């Protein structure tokens, strides 16, 4: 999770991040 949020910080095209879970 830390890696993915850091990865997204480098992507200027991404403005909004939605976080959710798979399953119940």
PDBML (XML) file of the C-alpha atoms, coordinates in Angstrom:
<?xml version="1.0" encoding="UTF-8" ?>
<PDBx:datablock datablockName="MODEL"
   xmlns:PDBx="http://pdbml.pdb.org/schema/pdbx-v50.xsd"
   xmlns:xsi="http://www.w3.org/2001/XMLSchema-instance"
   xsi:schemaLocation="http://pdbml.pdb.org/schema/pdbx-v50.xsd pdbx-v50.xsd">
   <PDBx:atom_siteCategory>
      <PDBx:atom_site id="1">
         <PDBx:B_iso_or_equiv>0.00</PDBx:B_iso_or_equiv>
         <PDBx:Cartn_x>0.000</PDBx:Cartn_x>
         <PDBx:Cartn_y>0.000</PDBx:Cartn_y>
         <PDBx:Cartn_z>0.000</PDBx:Cartn_z>
         <PDBx:auth_asym_id>A</PDBx:auth_asym_id>
         <PDBx:auth_atom_id>CA</PDBx:auth_atom_id>
         <PDBx:auth_comp_id>UNK</PDBx:auth_comp_id>
         <PDBx:auth_seq_id>1</PDBx:auth_seq_id>
         <PDBx:group_PDB>ATOM</PDBx:group_PDB>
         <PDBx:label_alt_id xsi:nil="true" />
         <PDBx:label_asym_id>A</PDBx:label_asym_id>
         <PDBx:label_atom_id>CA</PDBx:label_atom_id>
         <PDBx:label_comp_id>UNK</PDBx:label_comp_id>
         <PDBx:label_entity_id>1</PDBx:label_entity_id>
         <PDBx:label_seq_id>1</PDBx:label_seq_id>
         <PDBx:occupancy>1.00</PDBx:occupancy>
         <PDBx:pdbx_PDB_model_num>1</PDBx:pdbx_PDB_model_num>
         <PDBx:type_symbol>C</PDBx:type_symbol>
      </PDBx:atom_site>
      <PDBx:atom_site id="2">
         <PDBx:B_iso_or_equiv>0.00</PDBx:B_iso_or_equiv>
         <PDBx:Cartn_x>2.855</PDBx:Cartn_x>
         <PDBx:Cartn_y>2.384</PDBx:Cartn_y>
         <PDBx:Cartn_z>0.787</PDBx:Cartn_z>
         <PDBx:auth_asym_id>A</PDBx:auth_asym_id>
         <PDBx:auth_atom_id>CA</PDBx:auth_atom_id>
         <PDBx:auth_comp_id>UNK</PDBx:auth_comp_id>
         <PDBx:auth_seq_id>2</PDBx:auth_seq_id>
         <PDBx:group_PDB>ATOM</PDBx:group_PDB>
         <PDBx:label_alt_id xsi:nil="true" />
         <PDBx:label_asym_id>A</PDBx:label_asym_id>
         <PDBx:label_atom_id>CA</PDBx:label_atom_id>
         <PDBx:label_comp_id>UNK</PDBx:label_comp_id>
         <PDBx:label_entity_id>1</PDBx:label_entity_id>
         <PDBx:label_seq_id>2</PDBx:label_seq_id>
         <PDBx:occupancy>1.00</PDBx:occupancy>
         <PDBx:pdbx_PDB_model_num>1</PDBx:pdbx_PDB_model_num>
         <PDBx:type_symbol>C</PDBx:type_symbol>
      </PDBx:atom_site>
      <PDBx:atom_site id="3">
         <PDBx:B_iso_or_equiv>0.00</PDBx:B_iso_or_equiv>
         <PDBx:Cartn_x>4.484</PDBx:Cartn_x>
         <PDBx:Cartn_y>1.540</PDBx:Cartn_y>
         <PDBx:Cartn_z>-2.543</PDBx:Cartn_z>
         <PDBx:auth_asym_id>A</PDBx:auth_asym_id>
         <PDBx:auth_atom_id>CA</PDBx:auth_atom_id>
         <PDBx:auth_comp_id>UNK</PDBx:auth_comp_id>
         <PDBx:auth_seq_id>3</PDBx:auth_seq_id>
         <PDBx:group_PDB>ATOM</PDBx:group_PDB>
         <PDBx:label_alt_id xsi:nil="true" />
         <PDBx:label_asym_id>A</PDBx:label_asym_id>
         <PDBx:label_atom_id>CA</PDBx:label_atom_id>
         <PDBx:label_comp_id>UNK</PDBx:label_comp_id>
         <PDBx:label_entity_id>1</PDBx:label_entity_id>
         <PDBx:label_seq_id>3</PDBx:label_seq_id>
         <PDBx:occupancy>1.00</PDBx:occupancy>
         <PDBx:pdbx_PDB_model_num>1</PDBx:pdbx_PDB_model_num>
         <PDBx:type_symbol>C</PDBx:type_symbol>
      </PDBx:atom_site>
      <PDBx:atom_site id="4">
         <PDBx:B_iso_or_equiv>0.00</PDBx:B_iso_or_equiv>
         <PDBx:Cartn_x>1.286</PDBx:Cartn_x>
         <PDBx:Cartn_y>2.122</PDBx:Cartn_y>
         <PDBx:Cartn_z>-4.510</PDBx:Cartn_z>
         <PDBx:auth_asym_id>A</PDBx:auth_asym_id>
         <PDBx:auth_atom_id>CA</PDBx:auth_atom_id>
         <PDBx:auth_comp_id>UNK</PDBx:auth_comp_id>
         <PDBx:auth_seq_id>4</PDBx:auth_seq_id>
         <PDBx:group_PDB>ATOM</PDBx:group_PDB>
         <PDBx:label_alt_id xsi:nil="true" />
         <PDBx:label_asym_id>A</PDBx:label_asym_id>
         <PDBx:label_atom_id>CA</PDBx:label_atom_id>
         <PDBx:label_comp_id>UNK</PDBx:label_comp_id>
         <PDBx:label_entity_id>1</PDBx:label_entity_id>
         <PDBx:label_seq_id>4</PDBx:label_seq_id>
         <PDBx:occupancy>1.00</PDBx:occupancy>
         <PDBx:pdbx_PDB_model_num>1</PDBx:pdbx_PDB_model_num>
         <PDBx:type_symbol>C</PDBx:type_symbol>
      </PDBx:atom_site>
      <PDBx:atom_site id="5">
         <PDBx:B_iso_or_equiv>0.00</PDBx:B_iso_or_equiv>
         <PDBx:Cartn_x>0.486</PDBx:Cartn_x>
         <PDBx:Cartn_y>5.508</PDBx:Cartn_y>
         <PDBx:Cartn_z>-2.945</PDBx:Cartn_z>
         <PDBx:auth_asym_id>A</PDBx:auth_asym_id>
         <PDBx:auth_atom_id>CA</PDBx:auth_atom_id>
         <PDBx:auth_comp_id>UNK</PDBx:auth_comp_id>
         <PDBx:auth_seq_id>5</PDBx:auth_seq_id>
         <PDBx:group_PDB>ATOM</PDBx:group_PDB>
         <PDBx:label_alt_id xsi:nil="true" />
         <PDBx:label_asym_id>A</PDBx:label_asym_id>
         <PDBx:label_atom_id>CA</PDBx:label_atom_id>
         <PDBx:label_comp_id>UNK</PDBx:label_comp_id>
         <PDBx:label_entity_id>1</PDBx:label_entity_id>
         <PDBx:label_seq_id>5</PDBx:label_seq_id>
         <PDBx:occupancy>1.00</PDBx:occupancy>
         <PDBx:pdbx_PDB_model_num>1</PDBx:pdbx_PDB_model_num>
         <PDBx:type_symbol>C</PDBx:type_symbol>
      </PDBx:atom_site>
      <PDBx:atom_site id="6">
         <PDBx:B_iso_or_equiv>0.00</PDBx:B_iso_or_equiv>
         <PDBx:Cartn_x>4.072</PDBx:Cartn_x>
         <PDBx:Cartn_y>6.597</PDBx:Cartn_y>
         <PDBx:Cartn_z>-3.564</PDBx:Cartn_z>
         <PDBx:auth_asym_id>A</PDBx:auth_asym_id>
         <PDBx:auth_atom_id>CA</PDBx:auth_atom_id>
         <PDBx:auth_comp_id>UNK</PDBx:auth_comp_id>
         <PDBx:auth_seq_id>6</PDBx:auth_seq_id>
         <PDBx:group_PDB>ATOM</PDBx:group_PDB>
         <PDBx:label_alt_id xsi:nil="true" />
         <PDBx:label_asym_id>A</PDBx:label_asym_id>
         <PDBx:label_atom_id>CA</PDBx:label_atom_id>
         <PDBx:label_comp_id>UNK</PDBx:label_comp_id>
         <PDBx:label_entity_id>1</PDBx:label_entity_id>
         <PDBx:label_seq_id>6</PDBx:label_seq_id>
         <PDBx:occupancy>1.00</PDBx:occupancy>
         <PDBx:pdbx_PDB_model_num>1</PDBx:pdbx_PDB_model_num>
         <PDBx:type_symbol>C</PDBx:type_symbol>
      </PDBx:atom_site>
      <PDBx:atom_site id="7">
         <PDBx:B_iso_or_equiv>0.00</PDBx:B_iso_or_equiv>
         <PDBx:Cartn_x>3.802</PDBx:Cartn_x>
         <PDBx:Cartn_y>5.363</PDBx:Cartn_y>
         <PDBx:Cartn_z>-7.148</PDBx:Cartn_z>
         <PDBx:auth_asym_id>A</PDBx:auth_asym_id>
         <PDBx:auth_atom_id>CA</PDBx:auth_atom_id>
         <PDBx:auth_comp_id>UNK</PDBx:auth_comp_id>
         <PDBx:auth_seq_id>7</PDBx:auth_seq_id>
         <PDBx:group_PDB>ATOM</PDBx:group_PDB>
         <PDBx:label_alt_id xsi:nil="true" />
         <PDBx:label_asym_id>A</PDBx:label_asym_id>
         <PDBx:label_atom_id>CA</PDBx:label_atom_id>
         <PDBx:label_comp_id>UNK</PDBx:label_comp_id>
         <PDBx:label_entity_id>1</PDBx:label_entity_id>
         <PDBx:label_seq_id>7</PDBx:label_seq_id>
         <PDBx:occupancy>1.00</PDBx:occupancy>
         <PDBx:pdbx_PDB_model_num>1</PDBx:pdbx_PDB_model_num>
         <PDBx:type_symbol>C</PDBx:type_symbol>
      </PDBx:atom_site>
      <PDBx:atom_site id="8">
         <PDBx:B_iso_or_equiv>0.00</PDBx:B_iso_or_equiv>
         <PDBx:Cartn_x>0.651</PDBx:Cartn_x>
         <PDBx:Cartn_y>7.398</PDBx:Cartn_y>
         <PDBx:Cartn_z>-7.673</PDBx:Cartn_z>
         <PDBx:auth_asym_id>A</PDBx:auth_asym_id>
         <PDBx:auth_atom_id>CA</PDBx:auth_atom_id>
         <PDBx:auth_comp_id>UNK</PDBx:auth_comp_id>
         <PDBx:auth_seq_id>8</PDBx:auth_seq_id>
         <PDBx:group_PDB>ATOM</PDBx:group_PDB>
         <PDBx:label_alt_id xsi:nil="true" />
         <PDBx:label_asym_id>A</PDBx:label_asym_id>
         <PDBx:label_atom_id>CA</PDBx:label_atom_id>
         <PDBx:label_comp_id>UNK</PDBx:label_comp_id>
         <PDBx:label_entity_id>1</PDBx:label_entity_id>
         <PDBx:label_seq_id>8</PDBx:label_seq_id>
         <PDBx:occupancy>1.00</PDBx:occupancy>
         <PDBx:pdbx_PDB_model_num>1</PDBx:pdbx_PDB_model_num>
         <PDBx:type_symbol>C</PDBx:type_symbol>
      </PDBx:atom_site>
      <PDBx:atom_site id="9">
         <PDBx:B_iso_or_equiv>0.00</PDBx:B_iso_or_equiv>
         <PDBx:Cartn_x>2.396</PDBx:Cartn_x>
         <PDBx:Cartn_y>10.509</PDBx:Cartn_y>
         <PDBx:Cartn_z>-6.334</PDBx:Cartn_z>
         <PDBx:auth_asym_id>A</PDBx:auth_asym_id>
         <PDBx:auth_atom_id>CA</PDBx:auth_atom_id>
         <PDBx:auth_comp_id>UNK</PDBx:auth_comp_id>
         <PDBx:auth_seq_id>9</PDBx:auth_seq_id>
         <PDBx:group_PDB>ATOM</PDBx:group_PDB>
         <PDBx:label_alt_id xsi:nil="true" />
         <PDBx:label_asym_id>A</PDBx:label_asym_id>
         <PDBx:label_atom_id>CA</PDBx:label_atom_id>
         <PDBx:label_comp_id>UNK</PDBx:label_comp_id>
         <PDBx:label_entity_id>1</PDBx:label_entity_id>
         <PDBx:label_seq_id>9</PDBx:label_seq_id>
         <PDBx:occupancy>1.00</PDBx:occupancy>
         <PDBx:pdbx_PDB_model_num>1</PDBx:pdbx_PDB_model_num>
         <PDBx:type_symbol>C</PDBx:type_symbol>
      </PDBx:atom_site>
      <PDBx:atom_site id="10">
         <PDBx:B_iso_or_equiv>0.00</PDBx:B_iso_or_equiv>
         <PDBx:Cartn_x>4.658</PDBx:Cartn_x>
         <PDBx:Cartn_y>10.363</PDBx:Cartn_y>
         <PDBx:Cartn_z>-9.396</PDBx:Cartn_z>
         <PDBx:auth_asym_id>A</PDBx:auth_asym_id>
         <PDBx:auth_atom_id>CA</PDBx:auth_atom_id>
         <PDBx:auth_comp_id>UNK</PDBx:auth_comp_id>
         <PDBx:auth_seq_id>10</PDBx:auth_seq_id>
         <PDBx:group_PDB>ATOM</PDBx:group_PDB>
         <PDBx:label_alt_id xsi:nil="true" />
         <PDBx:label_asym_id>A</PDBx:label_asym_id>
         <PDBx:label_atom_id>CA</PDBx:label_atom_id>
         <PDBx:label_comp_id>UNK</PDBx:label_comp_id>
         <PDBx:label_entity_id>1</PDBx:label_entity_id>
         <PDBx:label_seq_id>10</PDBx:label_seq_id>
         <PDBx:occupancy>1.00</PDBx:occupancy>
         <PDBx:pdbx_PDB_model_num>1</PDBx:pdbx_PDB_model_num>
         <PDBx:type_symbol>C</PDBx:type_symbol>
      </PDBx:atom_site>
      <PDBx:atom_site id="11">
         <PDBx:B_iso_or_equiv>0.00</PDBx:B_iso_or_equiv>
         <PDBx:Cartn_x>1.715</PDBx:Cartn_x>
         <PDBx:Cartn_y>10.199</PDBx:Cartn_y>
         <PDBx:Cartn_z>-11.836</PDBx:Cartn_z>
         <PDBx:auth_asym_id>A</PDBx:auth_asym_id>
         <PDBx:auth_atom_id>CA</PDBx:auth_atom_id>
         <PDBx:auth_comp_id>UNK</PDBx:auth_comp_id>
         <PDBx:auth_seq_id>11</PDBx:auth_seq_id>
         <PDBx:group_PDB>ATOM</PDBx:group_PDB>
         <PDBx:label_alt_id xsi:nil="true" />
         <PDBx:label_asym_id>A</PDBx:label_asym_id>
         <PDBx:label_atom_id>CA</PDBx:label_atom_id>
         <PDBx:label_comp_id>UNK</PDBx:label_comp_id>
         <PDBx:label_entity_id>1</PDBx:label_entity_id>
         <PDBx:label_seq_id>11</PDBx:label_seq_id>
         <PDBx:occupancy>1.00</PDBx:occupancy>
         <PDBx:pdbx_PDB_model_num>1</PDBx:pdbx_PDB_model_num>
         <PDBx:type_symbol>C</PDBx:type_symbol>
      </PDBx:atom_site>
      <PDBx:atom_site id="12">
         <PDBx:B_iso_or_equiv>0.00</PDBx:B_iso_or_equiv>
         <PDBx:Cartn_x>0.639</PDBx:Cartn_x>
         <PDBx:Cartn_y>13.761</PDBx:Cartn_y>
         <PDBx:Cartn_z>-12.565</PDBx:Cartn_z>
         <PDBx:auth_asym_id>A</PDBx:auth_asym_id>
         <PDBx:auth_atom_id>CA</PDBx:auth_atom_id>
         <PDBx:auth_comp_id>UNK</PDBx:auth_comp_id>
         <PDBx:auth_seq_id>12</PDBx:auth_seq_id>
         <PDBx:group_PDB>ATOM</PDBx:group_PDB>
         <PDBx:label_alt_id xsi:nil="true" />
         <PDBx:label_asym_id>A</PDBx:label_asym_id>
         <PDBx:label_atom_id>CA</PDBx:label_atom_id>
         <PDBx:label_comp_id>UNK</PDBx:label_comp_id>
         <PDBx:label_entity_id>1</PDBx:label_entity_id>
         <PDBx:label_seq_id>12</PDBx:label_seq_id>
         <PDBx:occupancy>1.00</PDBx:occupancy>
         <PDBx:pdbx_PDB_model_num>1</PDBx:pdbx_PDB_model_num>
         <PDBx:type_symbol>C</PDBx:type_symbol>
      </PDBx:atom_site>
      <PDBx:atom_site id="13">
         <PDBx:B_iso_or_equiv>0.00</PDBx:B_iso_or_equiv>
         <PDBx:Cartn_x>-2.310</PDBx:Cartn_x>
         <PDBx:Cartn_y>12.523</PDBx:Cartn_y>
         <PDBx:Cartn_z>-14.652</PDBx:Cartn_z>
         <PDBx:auth_asym_id>A</PDBx:auth_asym_id>
         <PDBx:auth_atom_id>CA</PDBx:auth_atom_id>
         <PDBx:auth_comp_id>UNK</PDBx:auth_comp_id>
         <PDBx:auth_seq_id>13</PDBx:auth_seq_id>
         <PDBx:group_PDB>ATOM</PDBx:group_PDB>
         <PDBx:label_alt_id xsi:nil="true" />
         <PDBx:label_asym_id>A</PDBx:label_asym_id>
         <PDBx:label_atom_id>CA</PDBx:label_atom_id>
         <PDBx:label_comp_id>UNK</PDBx:label_comp_id>
         <PDBx:label_entity_id>1</PDBx:label_entity_id>
         <PDBx:label_seq_id>13</PDBx:label_seq_id>
         <PDBx:occupancy>1.00</PDBx:occupancy>
         <PDBx:pdbx_PDB_model_num>1</PDBx:pdbx_PDB_model_num>
         <PDBx:type_symbol>C</PDBx:type_symbol>
      </PDBx:atom_site>
      <PDBx:atom_site id="14">
         <PDBx:B_iso_or_equiv>0.00</PDBx:B_iso_or_equiv>
         <PDBx:Cartn_x>-4.009</PDBx:Cartn_x>
         <PDBx:Cartn_y>11.052</PDBx:Cartn_y>
         <PDBx:Cartn_z>-11.570</PDBx:Cartn_z>
         <PDBx:auth_asym_id>A</PDBx:auth_asym_id>
         <PDBx:auth_atom_id>CA</PDBx:auth_atom_id>
         <PDBx:auth_comp_id>UNK</PDBx:auth_comp_id>
         <PDBx:auth_seq_id>14</PDBx:auth_seq_id>
         <PDBx:group_PDB>ATOM</PDBx:group_PDB>
         <PDBx:label_alt_id xsi:nil="true" />
         <PDBx:label_asym_id>A</PDBx:label_asym_id>
         <PDBx:label_atom_id>CA</PDBx:label_atom_id>
         <PDBx:label_comp_id>UNK</PDBx:label_comp_id>
         <PDBx:label_entity_id>1</PDBx:label_entity_id>
         <PDBx:label_seq_id>14</PDBx:label_seq_id>
         <PDBx:occupancy>1.00</PDBx:occupancy>
         <PDBx:pdbx_PDB_model_num>1</PDBx:pdbx_PDB_model_num>
         <PDBx:type_symbol>C</PDBx:type_symbol>
      </PDBx:atom_site>
      <PDBx:atom_site id="15">
         <PDBx:B_iso_or_equiv>0.00</PDBx:B_iso_or_equiv>
         <PDBx:Cartn_x>-6.017</PDBx:Cartn_x>
         <PDBx:Cartn_y>13.665</PDBx:Cartn_y>
         <PDBx:Cartn_z>-9.682</PDBx:Cartn_z>
         <PDBx:auth_asym_id>A</PDBx:auth_asym_id>
         <PDBx:auth_atom_id>CA</PDBx:auth_atom_id>
         <PDBx:auth_comp_id>UNK</PDBx:auth_comp_id>
         <PDBx:auth_seq_id>15</PDBx:auth_seq_id>
         <PDBx:group_PDB>ATOM</PDBx:group_PDB>
         <PDBx:label_alt_id xsi:nil="true" />
         <PDBx:label_asym_id>A</PDBx:label_asym_id>
         <PDBx:label_atom_id>CA</PDBx:label_atom_id>
         <PDBx:label_comp_id>UNK</PDBx:label_comp_id>
         <PDBx:label_entity_id>1</PDBx:label_entity_id>
         <PDBx:label_seq_id>15</PDBx:label_seq_id>
         <PDBx:occupancy>1.00</PDBx:occupancy>
         <PDBx:pdbx_PDB_model_num>1</PDBx:pdbx_PDB_model_num>
         <PDBx:type_symbol>C</PDBx:type_symbol>
      </PDBx:atom_site>
      <PDBx:atom_site id="16">
         <PDBx:B_iso_or_equiv>0.00</PDBx:B_iso_or_equiv>
         <PDBx:Cartn_x>-8.281</PDBx:Cartn_x>
         <PDBx:Cartn_y>11.556</PDBx:Cartn_y>
         <PDBx:Cartn_z>-7.452</PDBx:Cartn_z>
         <PDBx:auth_asym_id>A</PDBx:auth_asym_id>
         <PDBx:auth_atom_id>CA</PDBx:auth_atom_id>
         <PDBx:auth_comp_id>UNK</PDBx:auth_comp_id>
         <PDBx:auth_seq_id>16</PDBx:auth_seq_id>
         <PDBx:group_PDB>ATOM</PDBx:group_PDB>
         <PDBx:label_alt_id xsi:nil="true" />
         <PDBx:label_asym_id>A</PDBx:label_asym_id>
         <PDBx:label_atom_id>CA</PDBx:label_atom_id>
         <PDBx:label_comp_id>UNK</PDBx:label_comp_id>
         <PDBx:label_entity_id>1</PDBx:label_entity_id>
         <PDBx:label_seq_id>16</PDBx:label_seq_id>
         <PDBx:occupancy>1.00</PDBx:occupancy>
         <PDBx:pdbx_PDB_model_num>1</PDBx:pdbx_PDB_model_num>
         <PDBx:type_symbol>C</PDBx:type_symbol>
      </PDBx:atom_site>
      <PDBx:atom_site id="17">
         <PDBx:B_iso_or_equiv>0.00</PDBx:B_iso_or_equiv>
         <PDBx:Cartn_x>-7.661</PDBx:Cartn_x>
         <PDBx:Cartn_y>8.163</PDBx:Cartn_y>
         <PDBx:Cartn_z>-5.825</PDBx:Cartn_z>
         <PDBx:auth_asym_id>A</PDBx:auth_asym_id>
         <PDBx:auth_atom_id>CA</PDBx:auth_atom_id>
         <PDBx:auth_comp_id>UNK</PDBx:auth_comp_id>
         <PDBx:auth_seq_id>17</PDBx:auth_seq_id>
         <PDBx:group_PDB>ATOM</PDBx:group_PDB>
         <PDBx:label_alt_id xsi:nil="true" />
         <PDBx:label_asym_id>A</PDBx:label_asym_id>
         <PDBx:label_atom_id>CA</PDBx:label_atom_id>
         <PDBx:label_comp_id>UNK</PDBx:label_comp_id>
         <PDBx:label_entity_id>1</PDBx:label_entity_id>
         <PDBx:label_seq_id>17</PDBx:label_seq_id>
         <PDBx:occupancy>1.00</PDBx:occupancy>
         <PDBx:pdbx_PDB_model_num>1</PDBx:pdbx_PDB_model_num>
         <PDBx:type_symbol>C</PDBx:type_symbol>
      </PDBx:atom_site>
      <PDBx:atom_site id="18">
         <PDBx:B_iso_or_equiv>0.00</PDBx:B_iso_or_equiv>
         <PDBx:Cartn_x>-10.515</PDBx:Cartn_x>
         <PDBx:Cartn_y>5.898</PDBx:Cartn_y>
         <PDBx:Cartn_z>-4.739</PDBx:Cartn_z>
         <PDBx:auth_asym_id>A</PDBx:auth_asym_id>
         <PDBx:auth_atom_id>CA</PDBx:auth_atom_id>
         <PDBx:auth_comp_id>UNK</PDBx:auth_comp_id>
         <PDBx:auth_seq_id>18</PDBx:auth_seq_id>
         <PDBx:group_PDB>ATOM</PDBx:group_PDB>
         <PDBx:label_alt_id xsi:nil="true" />
         <PDBx:label_asym_id>A</PDBx:label_asym_id>
         <PDBx:label_atom_id>CA</PDBx:label_atom_id>
         <PDBx:label_comp_id>UNK</PDBx:label_comp_id>
         <PDBx:label_entity_id>1</PDBx:label_entity_id>
         <PDBx:label_seq_id>18</PDBx:label_seq_id>
         <PDBx:occupancy>1.00</PDBx:occupancy>
         <PDBx:pdbx_PDB_model_num>1</PDBx:pdbx_PDB_model_num>
         <PDBx:type_symbol>C</PDBx:type_symbol>
      </PDBx:atom_site>
      <PDBx:atom_site id="19">
         <PDBx:B_iso_or_equiv>0.00</PDBx:B_iso_or_equiv>
         <PDBx:Cartn_x>-9.662</PDBx:Cartn_x>
         <PDBx:Cartn_y>3.171</PDBx:Cartn_y>
         <PDBx:Cartn_z>-2.211</PDBx:Cartn_z>
         <PDBx:auth_asym_id>A</PDBx:auth_asym_id>
         <PDBx:auth_atom_id>CA</PDBx:auth_atom_id>
         <PDBx:auth_comp_id>UNK</PDBx:auth_comp_id>
         <PDBx:auth_seq_id>19</PDBx:auth_seq_id>
         <PDBx:group_PDB>ATOM</PDBx:group_PDB>
         <PDBx:label_alt_id xsi:nil="true" />
         <PDBx:label_asym_id>A</PDBx:label_asym_id>
         <PDBx:label_atom_id>CA</PDBx:label_atom_id>
         <PDBx:label_comp_id>UNK</PDBx:label_comp_id>
         <PDBx:label_entity_id>1</PDBx:label_entity_id>
         <PDBx:label_seq_id>19</PDBx:label_seq_id>
         <PDBx:occupancy>1.00</PDBx:occupancy>
         <PDBx:pdbx_PDB_model_num>1</PDBx:pdbx_PDB_model_num>
         <PDBx:type_symbol>C</PDBx:type_symbol>
      </PDBx:atom_site>
      <PDBx:atom_site id="20">
         <PDBx:B_iso_or_equiv>0.00</PDBx:B_iso_or_equiv>
         <PDBx:Cartn_x>-11.933</PDBx:Cartn_x>
         <PDBx:Cartn_y>0.183</PDBx:Cartn_y>
         <PDBx:Cartn_z>-1.600</PDBx:Cartn_z>
         <PDBx:auth_asym_id>A</PDBx:auth_asym_id>
         <PDBx:auth_atom_id>CA</PDBx:auth_atom_id>
         <PDBx:auth_comp_id>UNK</PDBx:auth_comp_id>
         <PDBx:auth_seq_id>20</PDBx:auth_seq_id>
         <PDBx:group_PDB>ATOM</PDBx:group_PDB>
         <PDBx:label_alt_id xsi:nil="true" />
         <PDBx:label_asym_id>A</PDBx:label_asym_id>
         <PDBx:label_atom_id>CA</PDBx:label_atom_id>
         <PDBx:label_comp_id>UNK</PDBx:label_comp_id>
         <PDBx:label_entity_id>1</PDBx:label_entity_id>
         <PDBx:label_seq_id>20</PDBx:label_seq_id>
         <PDBx:occupancy>1.00</PDBx:occupancy>
         <PDBx:pdbx_PDB_model_num>1</PDBx:pdbx_PDB_model_num>
         <PDBx:type_symbol>C</PDBx:type_symbol>
      </PDBx:atom_site>
      <PDBx:atom_site id="21">
         <PDBx:B_iso_or_equiv>0.00</PDBx:B_iso_or_equiv>
         <PDBx:Cartn_x>-11.862</PDBx:Cartn_x>
         <PDBx:Cartn_y>-3.498</PDBx:Cartn_y>
         <PDBx:Cartn_z>-0.712</PDBx:Cartn_z>
         <PDBx:auth_asym_id>A</PDBx:auth_asym_id>
         <PDBx:auth_atom_id>CA</PDBx:auth_atom_id>
         <PDBx:auth_comp_id>UNK</PDBx:auth_comp_id>
         <PDBx:auth_seq_id>21</PDBx:auth_seq_id>
         <PDBx:group_PDB>ATOM</PDBx:group_PDB>
         <PDBx:label_alt_id xsi:nil="true" />
         <PDBx:label_asym_id>A</PDBx:label_asym_id>
         <PDBx:label_atom_id>CA</PDBx:label_atom_id>
         <PDBx:label_comp_id>UNK</PDBx:label_comp_id>
         <PDBx:label_entity_id>1</PDBx:label_entity_id>
         <PDBx:label_seq_id>21</PDBx:label_seq_id>
         <PDBx:occupancy>1.00</PDBx:occupancy>
         <PDBx:pdbx_PDB_model_num>1</PDBx:pdbx_PDB_model_num>
         <PDBx:type_symbol>C</PDBx:type_symbol>
      </PDBx:atom_site>
      <PDBx:atom_site id="22">
         <PDBx:B_iso_or_equiv>0.00</PDBx:B_iso_or_equiv>
         <PDBx:Cartn_x>-12.537</PDBx:Cartn_x>
         <PDBx:Cartn_y>-6.716</PDBx:Cartn_y>
         <PDBx:Cartn_z>-2.603</PDBx:Cartn_z>
         <PDBx:auth_asym_id>A</PDBx:auth_asym_id>
         <PDBx:auth_atom_id>CA</PDBx:auth_atom_id>
         <PDBx:auth_comp_id>UNK</PDBx:auth_comp_id>
         <PDBx:auth_seq_id>22</PDBx:auth_seq_id>
         <PDBx:group_PDB>ATOM</PDBx:group_PDB>
         <PDBx:label_alt_id xsi:nil="true" />
         <PDBx:label_asym_id>A</PDBx:label_asym_id>
         <PDBx:label_atom_id>CA</PDBx:label_atom_id>
         <PDBx:label_comp_id>UNK</PDBx:label_comp_id>
         <PDBx:label_entity_id>1</PDBx:label_entity_id>
         <PDBx:label_seq_id>22</PDBx:label_seq_id>
         <PDBx:occupancy>1.00</PDBx:occupancy>
         <PDBx:pdbx_PDB_model_num>1</PDBx:pdbx_PDB_model_num>
         <PDBx:type_symbol>C</PDBx:type_symbol>
      </PDBx:atom_site>
      <PDBx:atom_site id="23">
         <PDBx:B_iso_or_equiv>0.00</PDBx:B_iso_or_equiv>
         <PDBx:Cartn_x>-15.164</PDBx:Cartn_x>
         <PDBx:Cartn_y>-8.968</PDBx:Cartn_y>
         <PDBx:Cartn_z>-1.019</PDBx:Cartn_z>
         <PDBx:auth_asym_id>A</PDBx:auth_asym_id>
         <PDBx:auth_atom_id>CA</PDBx:auth_atom_id>
         <PDBx:auth_comp_id>UNK</PDBx:auth_comp_id>
         <PDBx:auth_seq_id>23</PDBx:auth_seq_id>
         <PDBx:group_PDB>ATOM</PDBx:group_PDB>
         <PDBx:label_alt_id xsi:nil="true" />
         <PDBx:label_asym_id>A</PDBx:label_asym_id>
         <PDBx:label_atom_id>CA</PDBx:label_atom_id>
         <PDBx:label_comp_id>UNK</PDBx:label_comp_id>
         <PDBx:label_entity_id>1</PDBx:label_entity_id>
         <PDBx:label_seq_id>23</PDBx:label_seq_id>
         <PDBx:occupancy>1.00</PDBx:occupancy>
         <PDBx:pdbx_PDB_model_num>1</PDBx:pdbx_PDB_model_num>
         <PDBx:type_symbol>C</PDBx:type_symbol>
      </PDBx:atom_site>
      <PDBx:atom_site id="24">
         <PDBx:B_iso_or_equiv>0.00</PDBx:B_iso_or_equiv>
         <PDBx:Cartn_x>-17.246</PDBx:Cartn_x>
         <PDBx:Cartn_y>-8.173</PDBx:Cartn_y>
         <PDBx:Cartn_z>2.058</PDBx:Cartn_z>
         <PDBx:auth_asym_id>A</PDBx:auth_asym_id>
         <PDBx:auth_atom_id>CA</PDBx:auth_atom_id>
         <PDBx:auth_comp_id>UNK</PDBx:auth_comp_id>
         <PDBx:auth_seq_id>24</PDBx:auth_seq_id>
         <PDBx:group_PDB>ATOM</PDBx:group_PDB>
         <PDBx:label_alt_id xsi:nil="true" />
         <PDBx:label_asym_id>A</PDBx:label_asym_id>
         <PDBx:label_atom_id>CA</PDBx:label_atom_id>
         <PDBx:label_comp_id>UNK</PDBx:label_comp_id>
         <PDBx:label_entity_id>1</PDBx:label_entity_id>
         <PDBx:label_seq_id>24</PDBx:label_seq_id>
         <PDBx:occupancy>1.00</PDBx:occupancy>
         <PDBx:pdbx_PDB_model_num>1</PDBx:pdbx_PDB_model_num>
         <PDBx:type_symbol>C</PDBx:type_symbol>
      </PDBx:atom_site>
   </PDBx:atom_siteCategory>
</PDBx:datablock>
